[in-house]
Structure formats: C-alpha cells, structure tokens
PDB file of N, CA and C in Angstrom:
ATOM      1  N   MET A   1      62.270  58.903 136.420  1.00  0.00           N
ATOM      2  CA  MET A   1      62.817  59.097 135.092  1.00  0.00           C
ATOM      3  C   MET A   1      63.031  60.577 134.799  1.00  0.00           C
ATOM      4  N   ALA A   2      62.116  61.436 135.243  1.00  0.00           N
ATOM      5  CA  ALA A   2      62.217  62.867 134.997  1.00  0.00           C
ATOM      6  C   ALA A   2      63.437  63.450 135.698  1.00  0.00           C
ATOM      7  N   LEU A   3      63.725  62.950 136.900  1.00  0.00           N
ATOM      8  CA  LEU A   3      64.893  63.430 137.639  1.00  0.00           C
ATOM      9  C   LEU A   3      66.180  63.081 136.899  1.00  0.00           C
ATOM     10  N   LYS A   4      66.211  61.881 136.327  1.00  0.00           N
ATOM     11  CA  LYS A   4      67.385  61.432 135.590  1.00  0.00           C
ATOM     12  C   LYS A   4      67.615  62.297 134.349  1.00  0.00           C
ATOM     13  N   LYS A   5      66.556  62.647 133.642  1.00  0.00           N
ATOM     14  CA  LYS A   5      66.661  63.509 132.458  1.00  0.00           C
ATOM     15  C   LYS A   5      67.101  64.915 132.853  1.00  0.00           C
ATOM     16  N   MET A   6      66.555  65.372 133.985  1.00  0.00           N
ATOM     17  CA  MET A   6      66.916  66.707 134.443  1.00  0.00           C
ATOM     18  C   MET A   6      68.391  66.764 134.833  1.00  0.00           C
ATOM     19  N   LEU A   7      68.904  65.751 135.511  1.00  0.00           N
ATOM     20  CA  LEU A   7      70.325  65.695 135.880  1.00  0.00           C
ATOM     21  C   LEU A   7      71.212  65.600 134.642  1.00  0.00           C
ATOM     22  N   ALA A   8      70.802  64.775 133.686  1.00  0.00           N
ATOM     23  CA  ALA A   8      71.578  64.632 132.451  1.00  0.00           C
ATOM     24  C   ALA A   8      71.639  65.958 131.701  1.00  0.00           C
ATOM     25  N   ALA A   9      70.522  66.660 131.652  1.00  0.00           N
ATOM     26  CA  ALA A   9      70.485  67.956 130.968  1.00  0.00           C
ATOM     27  C   ALA A   9      71.379  68.963 131.685  1.00  0.00           C
ATOM     28  N   ALA A  10      71.349  68.959 133.014  1.00  0.00           N
ATOM     29  CA  ALA A  10      72.182  69.889 133.789  1.00  0.00           C
ATOM     30  C   ALA A  10      73.655  69.591 133.584  1.00  0.00           C
ATOM     31  N   ILE A  11      74.009  68.293 133.550  1.00  0.00           N
ATOM     32  CA  ILE A  11      75.414  67.911 133.344  1.00  0.00           C
ATOM     33  C   ILE A  11      75.864  68.300 131.947  1.00  0.00           C
ATOM     34  N   ASN A  12      75.032  67.992 130.948  1.00  0.00           N
ATOM     35  CA  ASN A  12      75.397  68.313 129.569  1.00  0.00           C
ATOM     36  C   ASN A  12      75.499  69.818 129.342  1.00  0.00           C
ATOM     37  N   GLN A  13      74.705  70.569 130.047  1.00  0.00           N
ATOM     38  CA  GLN A  13      74.751  72.011 129.897  1.00  0.00           C
ATOM     39  C   GLN A  13      75.943  72.597 130.649  1.00  0.00           C
ATOM     40  N   GLY A  14      76.280  72.040 131.782  1.00  0.00           N
ATOM     41  CA  GLY A  14      77.353  72.597 132.602  1.00  0.00           C
ATOM     42  C   GLY A  14      78.739  72.230 132.130  1.00  0.00           C
ATOM     43  N   VAL A  15      78.899  71.064 131.515  1.00  0.00           N
ATOM     44  CA  VAL A  15      80.222  70.609 131.088  1.00  0.00           C
ATOM     45  C   VAL A  15      80.838  71.536 130.046  1.00  0.00           C
ATOM     46  N   PRO A  16      80.128  71.909 128.988  1.00  0.00           N
ATOM     47  CA  PRO A  16      80.752  72.821 128.023  1.00  0.00           C
ATOM     48  C   PRO A  16      81.121  74.175 128.627  1.00  0.00           C
ATOM     49  N   GLU A  17      80.269  74.660 129.529  1.00  0.00           N
ATOM     50  CA  GLU A  17      80.588  75.943 130.166  1.00  0.00           C
ATOM     51  C   GLU A  17      81.841  75.832 131.022  1.00  0.00           C
ATOM     52  N   ALA A  18      81.938  74.750 131.779  1.00  0.00           N
ATOM     53  CA  ALA A  18      83.114  74.546 132.619  1.00  0.00           C
ATOM     54  C   ALA A  18      84.360  74.363 131.760  1.00  0.00           C
ATOM     55  N   ARG A  19      84.224  73.591 130.680  1.00  0.00           N
ATOM     56  CA  ARG A  19      85.358  73.363 129.779  1.00  0.00           C
ATOM     57  C   ARG A  19      85.830  74.682 129.167  1.00  0.00           C
ATOM     58  N   ALA A  20      84.876  75.525 128.758  1.00  0.00           N
ATOM     59  CA  ALA A  20      85.222  76.818 128.170  1.00  0.00           C
ATOM     60  C   ALA A  20      85.924  77.706 129.197  1.00  0.00           C
ATOM     61  N   ARG A  21      85.448  77.679 130.441  1.00  0.00           N
ATOM     62  CA  ARG A  21      86.070  78.483 131.484  1.00  0.00           C
ATOM     63  C   ARG A  21      87.481  77.999 131.793  1.00  0.00           C
ATOM     64  N   ILE A  22      87.669  76.674 131.853  1.00  0.00           N
ATOM     65  CA  ILE A  22      88.977  76.106 132.213  1.00  0.00           C
ATOM     66  C   ILE A  22      90.014  76.356 131.122  1.00  0.00           C
ATOM     67  N   PHE A  23      89.647  76.072 129.878  1.00  0.00           N
ATOM     68  CA  PHE A  23      90.620  76.151 128.787  1.00  0.00           C
ATOM     69  C   PHE A  23      90.636  77.494 128.079  1.00  0.00           C
ATOM     70  N   GLY A  24      89.788  78.426 128.507  1.00  0.00           N
ATOM     71  CA  GLY A  24      89.796  79.762 127.921  1.00  0.00           C
ATOM     72  C   GLY A  24      89.152  79.809 126.544  1.00  0.00           C
ATOM     73  N   HIS A  25      88.263  78.877 126.241  1.00  0.00           N
ATOM     74  CA  HIS A  25      87.573  78.888 124.963  1.00  0.00           C
ATOM     75  C   HIS A  25      86.342  79.769 125.036  1.00  0.00           C
ATOM     76  N   GLN A  26      85.838  80.130 123.855  1.00  0.00           N
ATOM     77  CA  GLN A  26      84.623  80.916 123.785  1.00  0.00           C
ATOM     78  C   GLN A  26      83.445  79.974 123.572  1.00  0.00           C
ATOM     79  N   LEU A  27      82.439  80.073 124.394  1.00  0.00           N
ATOM     80  CA  LEU A  27      81.279  79.199 124.291  1.00  0.00           C
ATOM     81  C   LEU A  27      80.375  79.701 123.165  1.00  0.00           C
ATOM     82  N   ASN A  28      80.022  78.795 122.255  1.00  0.00           N
ATOM     83  CA  ASN A  28      79.183  79.151 121.116  1.00  0.00           C
ATOM     84  C   ASN A  28      78.074  78.114 120.981  1.00  0.00           C
ATOM     85  N   PRO A  29      77.029  78.206 121.811  1.00  0.00           N
ATOM     86  CA  PRO A  29      75.980  77.175 121.779  1.00  0.00           C
ATOM     87  C   PRO A  29      75.137  77.204 120.512  1.00  0.00           C
ATOM     88  N   SER A  30      75.042  78.354 119.854  1.00  0.00           N
ATOM     89  CA  SER A  30      74.210  78.433 118.649  1.00  0.00           C
ATOM     90  C   SER A  30      74.909  77.826 117.441  1.00  0.00           C
ATOM     91  N   GLY A  31      76.231  77.730 117.461  1.00  0.00           N
ATOM     92  CA  GLY A  31      76.979  77.133 116.360  1.00  0.00           C
ATOM     93  C   GLY A  31      77.138  78.054 115.163  1.00  0.00           C
ATOM     94  N   LYS A  32      76.842  79.335 115.328  1.00  0.00           N
ATOM     95  CA  LYS A  32      76.988  80.278 114.217  1.00  0.00           C
ATOM     96  C   LYS A  32      78.452  80.697 114.088  1.00  0.00           C
ATOM     97  N   LYS A  33      78.812  81.260 112.918  1.00  0.00           N
ATOM     98  CA  LYS A  33      80.182  81.714 112.696  1.00  0.00           C
ATOM     99  C   LYS A  33      80.528  82.835 113.671  1.00  0.00           C
ATOM    100  N   SER A  34      81.750  82.822 114.122  1.00  0.00           N
ATOM    101  CA  SER A  34      82.173  83.792 115.111  1.00  0.00           C
ATOM    102  C   SER A  34      83.604  84.239 114.794  1.00  0.00           C
ATOM    103  N   PRO A  35      83.956  85.500 115.065  1.00  0.00           N
ATOM    104  CA  PRO A  35      85.302  85.983 114.760  1.00  0.00           C
ATOM    105  C   PRO A  35      86.340  85.656 115.834  1.00  0.00           C
ATOM    106  N   HIS A  36      85.971  84.868 116.839  1.00  0.00           N
ATOM    107  CA  HIS A  36      86.886  84.626 117.957  1.00  0.00           C
ATOM    108  C   HIS A  36      88.153  83.906 117.516  1.00  0.00           C
ATOM    109  N   LYS A  37      88.058  83.052 116.520  1.00  0.00           N
ATOM    110  CA  LYS A  37      89.242  82.332 116.041  1.00  0.00           C
ATOM    111  C   LYS A  37      90.261  83.320 115.475  1.00  0.00           C
ATOM    112  N   ILE A  38      89.780  84.298 114.744  1.00  0.00           N
ATOM    113  CA  ILE A  38      90.672  85.293 114.153  1.00  0.00           C
ATOM    114  C   ILE A  38      91.204  86.228 115.226  1.00  0.00           C
ATOM    115  N   LEU A  39      90.352  86.594 116.170  1.00  0.00           N
ATOM    116  CA  LEU A  39      90.780  87.513 117.219  1.00  0.00           C
ATOM    117  C   LEU A  39      91.798  86.888 118.162  1.00  0.00           C
ATOM    118  N   ARG A  40      91.804  85.553 118.272  1.00  0.00           N
ATOM    119  CA  ARG A  40      92.769  84.868 119.127  1.00  0.00           C
ATOM    120  C   ARG A  40      94.166  84.836 118.515  1.00  0.00           C
ATOM    121  N   MET A  41      94.242  84.949 117.186  1.00  0.00           N
ATOM    122  CA  MET A  41      95.533  84.822 116.510  1.00  0.00           C
ATOM    123  C   MET A  41      96.468  85.965 116.915  1.00  0.00           C
ATOM    124  N   LYS A  42      97.781  85.670 116.865  1.00  0.00           N
ATOM    125  CA  LYS A  42      98.769  86.694 117.178  1.00  0.00           C
ATOM    126  C   LYS A  42      98.800  87.723 116.055  1.00  0.00           C
ATOM    127  N   LEU A  43      99.086  88.961 116.420  1.00  0.00           N
ATOM    128  CA  LEU A  43      99.213  90.008 115.422  1.00  0.00           C
ATOM    129  C   LEU A  43     100.592  89.911 114.784  1.00  0.00           C
ATOM    130  N   PHE A  44     100.663  90.024 113.468  1.00  0.00           N
ATOM    131  CA  PHE A  44     101.955  89.861 112.806  1.00  0.00           C
ATOM    132  C   PHE A  44     102.355  91.101 112.001  1.00  0.00           C
ATOM    133  N   GLY A  45     101.702  92.227 112.231  1.00  0.00           N
ATOM    134  CA  GLY A  45     102.022  93.454 111.506  1.00  0.00           C
ATOM    135  C   GLY A  45     103.419  93.965 111.800  1.00  0.00           C
ATOM    136  N   GLU A  46     103.848  93.854 113.065  1.00  0.00           N
ATOM    137  CA  GLU A  46     105.183  94.331 113.437  1.00  0.00           C
ATOM    138  C   GLU A  46     106.261  93.537 112.713  1.00  0.00           C
ATOM    139  N   LYS A  47     106.062  92.231 112.610  1.00  0.00           N
ATOM    140  CA  LYS A  47     107.051  91.375 111.957  1.00  0.00           C
ATOM    141  C   LYS A  47     107.159  91.705 110.476  1.00  0.00           C
ATOM    142  N   VAL A  48     106.036  91.972 109.841  1.00  0.00           N
ATOM    143  CA  VAL A  48     106.041  92.320 108.422  1.00  0.00           C
ATOM    144  C   VAL A  48     106.724  93.671 108.233  1.00  0.00           C
ATOM    145  N   ALA A  49     106.463  94.613 109.129  1.00  0.00           N
ATOM    146  CA  ALA A  49     107.044  95.948 109.019  1.00  0.00           C
ATOM    147  C   ALA A  49     108.562  95.907 109.175  1.00  0.00           C
ATOM    148  N   GLN A  50     109.090  94.932 109.914  1.00  0.00           N
ATOM    149  CA  GLN A  50     110.542  94.834 110.096  1.00  0.00           C
ATOM    150  C   GLN A  50     111.263  94.431 108.812  1.00  0.00           C
ATOM    151  N   TRP A  51     110.556  93.802 107.885  1.00  0.00           N
ATOM    152  CA  TRP A  51     111.190  93.376 106.632  1.00  0.00           C
ATOM    153  C   TRP A  51     111.563  94.559 105.762  1.00  0.00           C
ATOM    154  N   TYR A  52     110.841  95.666 105.876  1.00  0.00           N
ATOM    155  CA  TYR A  52     111.060  96.806 105.016  1.00  0.00           C
ATOM    156  C   TYR A  52     111.902  97.855 105.746  1.00  0.00           C
ATOM    157  N   PRO A  53     112.903  98.401 105.062  1.00  0.00           N
ATOM    158  CA  PRO A  53     113.755  99.404 105.722  1.00  0.00           C
ATOM    159  C   PRO A  53     112.976 100.700 105.963  1.00  0.00           C
ATOM    160  N   HIS A  54     113.421 101.436 106.969  1.00  0.00           N
ATOM    161  CA  HIS A  54     112.794 102.707 107.313  1.00  0.00           C
ATOM    162  C   HIS A  54     113.154 103.735 106.236  1.00  0.00           C
ATOM    163  N   ASP A  55     112.167 104.482 105.756  1.00  0.00           N
ATOM    164  CA  ASP A  55     112.390 105.480 104.709  1.00  0.00           C
ATOM    165  C   ASP A  55     112.791 106.802 105.361  1.00  0.00           C
ATOM    166  N   ILE A  56     114.076 107.147 105.260  1.00  0.00           N
ATOM    167  CA  ILE A  56     114.560 108.376 105.898  1.00  0.00           C
ATOM    168  C   ILE A  56     114.160 109.614 105.113  1.00  0.00           C
ATOM    169  N   ASN A  57     113.765 109.436 103.846  1.00  0.00           N
ATOM    170  CA  ASN A  57     113.360 110.599 103.050  1.00  0.00           C
ATOM    171  C   ASN A  57     112.125 111.267 103.617  1.00  0.00           C
ATOM    172  N   LYS A  58     111.220 110.485 104.193  1.00  0.00           N
ATOM    173  CA  LYS A  58     109.981 111.059 104.722  1.00  0.00           C
ATOM    174  C   LYS A  58     110.227 111.847 106.011  1.00  0.00           C
ATOM    175  N   ASP A  59     111.327 111.550 106.711  1.00  0.00           N
ATOM    176  CA  ASP A  59     111.635 112.257 107.952  1.00  0.00           C
ATOM    177  C   ASP A  59     112.372 113.576 107.697  1.00  0.00           C
ATOM    178  N   ASP A  60     113.069 113.670 106.577  1.00  0.00           N
ATOM    179  CA  ASP A  60     113.894 114.843 106.301  1.00  0.00           C
ATOM    180  C   ASP A  60     113.043 115.934 105.636  1.00  0.00           C
ATOM    181  N   PRO A  61     112.852 117.084 106.279  1.00  0.00           N
ATOM    182  CA  PRO A  61     112.012 118.133 105.677  1.00  0.00           C
ATOM    183  C   PRO A  61     112.633 118.735 104.418  1.00  0.00           C
ATOM    184  N   LEU A  62     113.957 118.725 104.314  1.00  0.00           N
ATOM    185  CA  LEU A  62     114.599 119.282 103.112  1.00  0.00           C
ATOM    186  C   LEU A  62     114.297 118.424 101.888  1.00  0.00           C
ATOM    187  N   VAL A  63     114.328 117.121 102.064  1.00  0.00           N
ATOM    188  CA  VAL A  63     114.028 116.212 100.956  1.00  0.00           C
ATOM    189  C   VAL A  63     112.570 116.376 100.541  1.00  0.00           C
ATOM    190  N   MET A  64     111.674 116.453 101.523  1.00  0.00           N
ATOM    191  CA  MET A  64     110.255 116.604 101.212  1.00  0.00           C
ATOM    192  C   MET A  64     109.983 117.935 100.503  1.00  0.00           C
ATOM    193  N   ALA A  65     110.674 119.006 100.926  1.00  0.00           N
ATOM    194  CA  ALA A  65     110.497 120.318 100.290  1.00  0.00           C
ATOM    195  C   ALA A  65     110.990 120.274  98.846  1.00  0.00           C
ATOM    196  N   ARG A  66     112.112 119.577  98.613  1.00  0.00           N
ATOM    197  CA  ARG A  66     112.645 119.469  97.249  1.00  0.00           C
ATOM    198  C   ARG A  66     111.683 118.694  96.345  1.00  0.00           C
ATOM    199  N   GLN A  67     111.122 117.612  96.880  1.00  0.00           N
ATOM    200  CA  GLN A  67     110.173 116.819  96.093  1.00  0.00           C
ATOM    201  C   GLN A  67     108.917 117.633  95.767  1.00  0.00           C
ATOM    202  N   GLU A  68     108.455 118.418  96.728  1.00  0.00           N
ATOM    203  CA  GLU A  68     107.285 119.258  96.494  1.00  0.00           C
ATOM    204  C   GLU A  68     107.591 120.325  95.448  1.00  0.00           C
ATOM    205  N   GLN A  69     108.789 120.896  95.503  1.00  0.00           N
ATOM    206  CA  GLN A  69     109.196 121.905  94.525  1.00  0.00           C
ATOM    207  C   GLN A  69     109.276 121.299  93.129  1.00  0.00           C
ATOM    208  N   GLU A  70     109.814 120.069  93.026  1.00  0.00           N
ATOM    209  CA  GLU A  70     109.870 119.389  91.723  1.00  0.00           C
ATOM    210  C   GLU A  70     108.469 119.128  91.186  1.00  0.00           C
ATOM    211  N   ARG A  71     107.559 118.735  92.064  1.00  0.00           N
ATOM    212  CA  ARG A  71     106.189 118.468  91.646  1.00  0.00           C
ATOM    213  C   ARG A  71     105.527 119.745  91.121  1.00  0.00           C
ATOM    214  N   LEU A  72     105.730 120.849  91.828  1.00  0.00           N
ATOM    215  CA  LEU A  72     105.128 122.114  91.409  1.00  0.00           C
ATOM    216  C   LEU A  72     105.720 122.611  90.098  1.00  0.00           C
ATOM    217  N   SER A  73     107.039 122.448  89.919  1.00  0.00           N
ATOM    218  CA  SER A  73     107.655 122.900  88.669  1.00  0.00           C
ATOM    219  C   SER A  73     107.179 122.050  87.486  1.00  0.00           C
ATOM    220  N   LYS A  74     107.004 120.753  87.708  1.00  0.00           N
ATOM    221  CA  LYS A  74     106.496 119.880  86.642  1.00  0.00           C
ATOM    222  C   LYS A  74     105.065 120.258  86.285  1.00  0.00           C
ATOM    223  N   LEU A  75     104.252 120.559  87.313  1.00  0.00           N
ATOM    224  CA  LEU A  75     102.875 120.965  87.089  1.00  0.00           C
ATOM    225  C   LEU A  75     102.808 122.279  86.318  1.00  0.00           C
ATOM    226  N   GLU A  76     103.693 123.206  86.642  1.00  0.00           N
ATOM    227  CA  GLU A  76     103.726 124.489  85.938  1.00  0.00           C
ATOM    228  C   GLU A  76     104.111 124.289  84.475  1.00  0.00           C
ATOM    229  N   MET A  77     105.081 123.411  84.223  1.00  0.00           N
ATOM    230  CA  MET A  77     105.510 123.131  82.855  1.00  0.00           C
ATOM    231  C   MET A  77     104.350 122.517  82.043  1.00  0.00           C
ATOM    232  N   LEU A  78     103.614 121.599  82.657  1.00  0.00           N
ATOM    233  CA  LEU A  78     102.482 120.978  81.980  1.00  0.00           C
ATOM    234  C   LEU A  78     101.384 122.003  81.688  1.00  0.00           C
ATOM    235  N   LYS A  79     101.153 122.924  82.624  1.00  0.00           N
ATOM    236  CA  LYS A  79     100.137 123.955  82.409  1.00  0.00           C
ATOM    237  C   LYS A  79     100.508 124.861  81.249  1.00  0.00           C
ATOM    238  N   ARG A  80     101.796 125.185  81.125  1.00  0.00           N
ATOM    239  CA  ARG A  80     102.237 126.036  80.020  1.00  0.00           C
ATOM    240  C   ARG A  80     101.992 125.364  78.671  1.00  0.00           C
ATOM    241  N   ARG A  81     102.114 124.050  78.649  1.00  0.00           N
ATOM    242  CA  ARG A  81     101.891 123.298  77.404  1.00  0.00           C
ATOM    243  C   ARG A  81     100.410 122.980  77.193  1.00  0.00           C
ATOM    244  N   GLY A  82      99.568 123.314  78.187  1.00  0.00           N
ATOM    245  CA  GLY A  82      98.141 123.041  78.064  1.00  0.00           C
ATOM    246  C   GLY A  82      97.763 121.616  78.431  1.00  0.00           C
ATOM    247  N   LYS A  83      98.646 120.933  79.142  1.00  0.00           N
ATOM    248  CA  LYS A  83      98.396 119.537  79.523  1.00  0.00           C
ATOM    249  C   LYS A  83      98.097 119.370  81.002  1.00  0.00           C
ATOM    250  N   GLY A  84      97.936 120.457  81.727  1.00  0.00           N
ATOM    251  CA  GLY A  84      97.704 120.389  83.169  1.00  0.00           C
ATOM    252  C   GLY A  84      96.286 119.948  83.491  1.00  0.00           C
ATOM    253  N   PRO A  85      96.006 119.773  84.773  1.00  0.00           N
ATOM    254  CA  PRO A  85      94.655 119.357  85.174  1.00  0.00           C
ATOM    255  C   PRO A  85      93.652 120.477  84.908  1.00  0.00           C
ATOM    256  N   PRO A  86      92.418 120.136  84.593  1.00  0.00           N
ATOM    257  CA  PRO A  86      91.412 121.174  84.334  1.00  0.00           C
ATOM    258  C   PRO A  86      91.028 121.893  85.628  1.00  0.00           C
ATOM    259  N   LYS A  87      90.432 123.069  85.457  1.00  0.00           N
ATOM    260  CA  LYS A  87      89.949 123.800  86.619  1.00  0.00           C
ATOM    261  C   LYS A  87      88.792 123.037  87.235  1.00  0.00           C
ATOM    262  N   LYS A  88      88.508 123.329  88.485  1.00  0.00           N
ATOM    263  CA  LYS A  88      87.450 122.612  89.196  1.00  0.00           C
ATOM    264  C   LYS A  88      86.107 122.853  88.507  1.00  0.00           C
ATOM    265  N   GLY A  89      85.403 121.751  88.229  1.00  0.00           N
ATOM    266  CA  GLY A  89      84.094 121.848  87.594  1.00  0.00           C
ATOM    267  C   GLY A  89      84.145 121.890  86.081  1.00  0.00           C
ATOM    268  N   GLN A  90      85.336 121.721  85.474  1.00  0.00           N
ATOM    269  CA  GLN A  90      85.448 121.736  84.020  1.00  0.00           C
ATOM    270  C   GLN A  90      86.081 120.458  83.478  1.00  0.00           C
ATOM    271  N   GLY A  91      86.004 119.404  84.257  1.00  0.00           N
ATOM    272  CA  GLY A  91      86.604 118.139  83.841  1.00  0.00           C
ATOM    273  C   GLY A  91      85.713 117.361  82.894  1.00  0.00           C
ATOM    274  N   ARG A  92      86.063 116.106  82.684  1.00  0.00           N
ATOM    275  CA  ARG A  92      85.351 115.244  81.749  1.00  0.00           C
ATOM    276  C   ARG A  92      83.915 114.972  82.219  1.00  0.00           C
ATOM    277  N   ARG A  93      83.753 114.732  83.524  1.00  0.00           N
ATOM    278  CA  ARG A  93      82.412 114.429  84.051  1.00  0.00           C
ATOM    279  C   ARG A  93      81.489 115.637  83.921  1.00  0.00           C
ATOM    280  N   ALA A  94      82.040 116.836  84.159  1.00  0.00           N
ATOM    281  CA  ALA A  94      81.222 118.031  84.057  1.00  0.00           C
ATOM    282  C   ALA A  94      80.830 118.273  82.605  1.00  0.00           C
ATOM    283  N   ALA A  95      81.719 117.967  81.665  1.00  0.00           N
ATOM    284  CA  ALA A  95      81.411 118.142  80.253  1.00  0.00           C
ATOM    285  C   ALA A  95      80.311 117.186  79.834  1.00  0.00           C
ATOM    286  N   LYS A  96      80.298 115.969  80.366  1.00  0.00           N
ATOM    287  CA  LYS A  96      79.250 114.995  80.050  1.00  0.00           C
ATOM    288  C   LYS A  96      77.896 115.480  80.560  1.00  0.00           C
ATOM    289  N   ARG A  97      77.894 116.034  81.748  1.00  0.00           N
ATOM    290  CA  ARG A  97      76.651 116.456  82.381  1.00  0.00           C
ATOM    291  C   ARG A  97      76.031 117.653  81.639  1.00  0.00           C
ATOM    292  N   ASN A  98      76.868 118.529  81.082  1.00  0.00           N
ATOM    293  CA  ASN A  98      76.368 119.729  80.426  1.00  0.00           C
ATOM    294  C   ASN A  98      75.832 119.460  79.028  1.00  0.00           C
ATOM    295  N   LYS A  99      76.111 118.300  78.458  1.00  0.00           N
ATOM    296  CA  LYS A  99      75.636 117.991  77.095  1.00  0.00           C
ATOM    297  C   LYS A  99      74.182 117.710  77.071  1.00  0.00           C
TER     298      LYS A  99
END
C-alpha cells in the first residue's frame, strides 16, 4: 500500500511540472497571487502612441526658444504688478511656520 501511495504522489507531483514545461505555464504550487498573468500580456504602449500625432514643436529649437521667451516676459510682467511667485523661503508655508 505504501508503494502505491508513493507512486501516486510522484505522479501527481510530476504531472503539473511536466504540463507547465510543455505548455510554457508558470508553476504555482502555493496558489498565491502572481504577476505572471500580467507579464505574459502583450505590450500595447506602441499602439496607443500611434494614435497621437508627433508634436513637431518640441523638436524645433526656435519654437521652444520663443515659448521660453514668452514665459519669461509674462513672468516679468507679473512681477512688476506684484503678482509673481514669492522668493524662496517666503511663501505661504514659510509664513505659517514663522507664526
């Protein structure tokens, strides 16, 4: 009887391993959650990226320089009106801490 149980245990243990090797599955004897299902999926980032047109503005240095110049001129205008960003260490959080 012991030999029969030992053979049955060996067969039951070997079959899942062989099945996993043949079909390329991941063996998970503990039954805990595993990321293998997600890792097996095809990546679809390239397909999503194809839906959106390429932004040529980011490649052109003249366009980027113009945008930076507009940003700086707007910031200067706001500073003249007193609406610009505070100096470092004089913001709202620093004012709360000093009270």
